[in-house]
Amino acid sequence: MTATRVDLLNRQLDIAWALFEYHLKDLDDSECLWEPAPNCWTVRQDGLGRWIADWEVPEPDPVPTLSIGWLTWHIGFWWTTTLEHCFGEAGAPPREEITWPGTAAGAAEWLRGLKDDWRARLLNFSDADLDSADRTAGCGDRTKHW
């Protein structure tokens, strides 16, 4: 039997995720918050205790060095935004509302949940659904969320 494209996409996700998980399982809070250079974007607690990612518009040139915490936030930001654009009713929340969980374990759990959500939604797709641009029509409007 020939594999469907959804099956192929899920196998690709599984391979990429296995490589990601290999590194994710060993992260700790100090590694996530370590700033490897003086000019570094990271995640910082605001006055309300939320972990907010450094961000500038327009992006500086050169782009600052990135902490692991910022990178895990950024993966979660993009996945949250993509899931909402493709499957949500209200659209993606503003970037400022997508916060880092505050710990390496929390970030790992957040990202695992996003991956599981993506996988579950993708399983219901047919080839015709994958060919359609209906779910991704809003993804091109970068002015709304960033």
Protein backbone atom coordinates (compact mmCIF):
# COMPACT_ATOMS: atom_id res chain seq x y z
CA MET A 1 0.00 0.00 0.00
CA THR A 2 1.22 3.48 -0.85
CA ALA A 3 1.72 5.88 2.03
CA THR A 4 -0.40 9.01 2.01
CA ARG A 5 1.27 12.39 2.01
CA VAL A 6 0.02 12.93 5.57
CA ASP A 7 1.81 9.73 6.59
CA LEU A 8 4.98 10.96 4.90
CA LEU A 9 4.72 14.35 6.61
CA ASN A 10 4.22 12.69 9.98
CA ARG A 11 7.25 10.47 9.42
CA GLN A 12 9.31 13.56 8.57
CA LEU A 13 8.00 15.25 11.70
CA ASP A 14 8.92 12.18 13.75
CA ILE A 15 12.49 12.20 12.43
CA ALA A 16 12.97 15.93 12.99
CA TRP A 17 11.34 15.69 16.41
CA ALA A 18 13.56 12.77 17.47
CA LEU A 19 16.62 14.91 16.70
CA PHE A 20 15.12 17.85 18.57
CA GLU A 21 14.13 15.68 21.55
CA TYR A 22 17.66 14.30 21.75
CA HIS A 23 18.84 17.80 22.77
CA LEU A 24 15.66 19.02 24.46
CA LYS A 25 15.73 16.33 27.16
CA ASP A 26 19.07 17.56 28.53
CA LEU A 27 18.31 21.30 28.73
CA ASP A 28 18.24 22.96 32.11
CA ASP A 29 17.22 26.44 33.21
CA SER A 30 20.76 27.82 33.42
CA GLU A 31 21.53 26.70 29.85
CA CYS A 32 18.31 28.27 28.59
CA LEU A 33 19.05 31.61 30.22
CA TRP A 34 22.80 31.71 29.58
CA GLU A 35 23.72 34.69 27.42
CA PRO A 36 26.68 33.67 25.25
CA ALA A 37 27.55 37.25 24.18
CA PRO A 38 27.11 40.81 25.43
CA ASN A 39 24.60 41.62 22.69
CA CYS A 40 22.16 38.75 23.27
CA TRP A 41 18.43 38.33 22.88
CA THR A 42 16.92 36.17 25.58
CA VAL A 43 13.72 35.80 27.60
CA ARG A 44 13.25 38.03 30.65
CA GLN A 45 10.66 38.30 33.37
CA ASP A 46 8.53 41.42 33.20
CA GLY A 47 6.93 43.18 36.18
CA LEU A 48 4.02 40.71 36.11
CA GLY A 49 6.29 37.64 36.25
CA ARG A 50 5.71 36.70 32.60
CA TRP A 51 8.71 35.62 30.53
CA ILE A 52 8.90 37.98 27.55
CA ALA A 53 11.25 37.54 24.60
CA ASP A 54 13.55 40.34 23.47
CA TRP A 55 12.39 41.77 20.15
CA GLU A 56 12.94 44.80 17.95
CA VAL A 57 11.17 46.02 14.84
CA PRO A 58 12.90 46.43 12.54
CA GLU A 59 15.29 43.66 13.38
CA PRO A 60 18.80 45.02 14.07
CA ASP A 61 21.66 44.29 11.74
CA PRO A 62 23.51 42.27 12.80
CA VAL A 63 20.93 40.26 14.67
CA PRO A 64 21.99 39.75 18.31
CA THR A 65 23.26 36.42 19.54
CA LEU A 66 20.35 34.28 20.76
CA SER A 67 19.97 32.38 24.03
CA ILE A 68 18.54 28.87 24.06
CA GLY A 69 15.57 30.23 25.99
CA TRP A 70 14.90 32.72 23.20
CA LEU A 71 15.24 30.01 20.56
CA THR A 72 12.77 27.73 22.35
CA TRP A 73 10.38 30.69 22.73
CA HIS A 74 10.76 31.46 19.01
CA ILE A 75 9.95 27.86 17.99
CA GLY A 76 6.90 27.98 20.25
CA PHE A 77 5.92 31.42 18.90
CA TRP A 78 5.99 30.25 15.29
CA TRP A 79 4.22 26.97 16.01
CA THR A 80 1.52 28.73 18.07
CA THR A 81 1.05 31.32 15.33
CA THR A 82 0.93 28.71 12.57
CA LEU A 83 -1.54 26.51 14.45
CA GLU A 84 -3.83 29.47 15.07
CA HIS A 85 -3.60 30.69 11.47
CA CYS A 86 -4.32 27.25 10.08
CA PHE A 87 -6.82 25.89 12.61
CA GLY A 88 -7.89 28.63 15.01
CA GLU A 89 -11.10 30.58 15.02
CA ALA A 90 -9.86 33.94 16.33
CA GLY A 91 -6.46 34.10 14.67
CA ALA A 92 -3.06 34.09 16.28
CA PRO A 93 -2.49 36.12 19.44
CA PRO A 94 -0.12 39.09 19.29
CA ARG A 95 3.55 38.19 19.67
CA GLU A 96 3.68 39.86 23.10
CA GLU A 97 1.06 37.44 24.43
CA ILE A 98 3.07 34.35 23.51
CA THR A 99 5.35 33.98 26.50
CA TRP A 100 8.08 31.55 27.45
CA PRO A 101 7.01 29.10 30.22
CA GLY A 102 9.84 30.14 32.57
CA THR A 103 11.78 26.87 32.82
CA ALA A 104 13.52 24.47 30.49
CA ALA A 105 11.11 21.71 31.53
CA GLY A 106 8.14 24.00 30.93
CA ALA A 107 9.48 24.97 27.50
CA ALA A 108 10.01 21.32 26.58
CA GLU A 109 6.47 20.43 27.65
CA TRP A 110 5.04 23.45 25.76
CA LEU A 111 6.84 22.46 22.56
CA ARG A 112 5.83 18.80 22.93
CA GLY A 113 2.22 19.90 23.28
CA LEU A 114 2.43 22.06 20.16
CA LYS A 115 3.96 19.15 18.24
CA ASP A 116 1.23 16.80 19.44
CA ASP A 117 -1.46 19.32 18.49
CA TRP A 118 0.04 19.74 15.01
CA ARG A 119 0.27 15.97 14.53
CA ALA A 120 -3.32 15.38 15.67
CA ARG A 121 -4.67 18.05 13.33
CA LEU A 122 -2.57 16.85 10.41
CA LEU A 123 -3.85 13.27 10.78
CA ASN A 124 -7.31 14.42 9.67
CA PHE A 125 -6.02 15.85 6.38
CA SER A 126 -6.54 14.37 2.96
CA ASP A 127 -4.31 15.06 -0.02
CA ALA A 128 -6.91 17.60 -1.17
CA ASP A 129 -6.64 19.39 2.20
CA LEU A 130 -2.86 19.54 1.79
CA ASP A 131 -3.24 20.96 -1.72
CA SER A 132 -5.61 23.70 -0.55
CA ALA A 133 -4.29 27.13 0.42
CA ASP A 134 -7.45 27.98 2.38
CA ARG A 135 -5.96 27.32 5.82
CA THR A 136 -2.77 29.25 5.11
CA ALA A 137 -4.26 32.32 3.43
CA GLY A 138 -3.70 34.46 6.56
CA CYS A 139 -0.10 33.41 7.07
CA GLY A 140 1.20 35.90 4.52
CA ASP A 141 0.02 38.99 6.42
CA ARG A 142 3.02 39.56 8.67
CA THR A 143 1.80 43.01 9.71
CA LYS A 144 -0.87 41.56 11.99
CA HIS A 145 1.29 39.76 14.52
CA TRP A 146 4.89 40.68 14.40
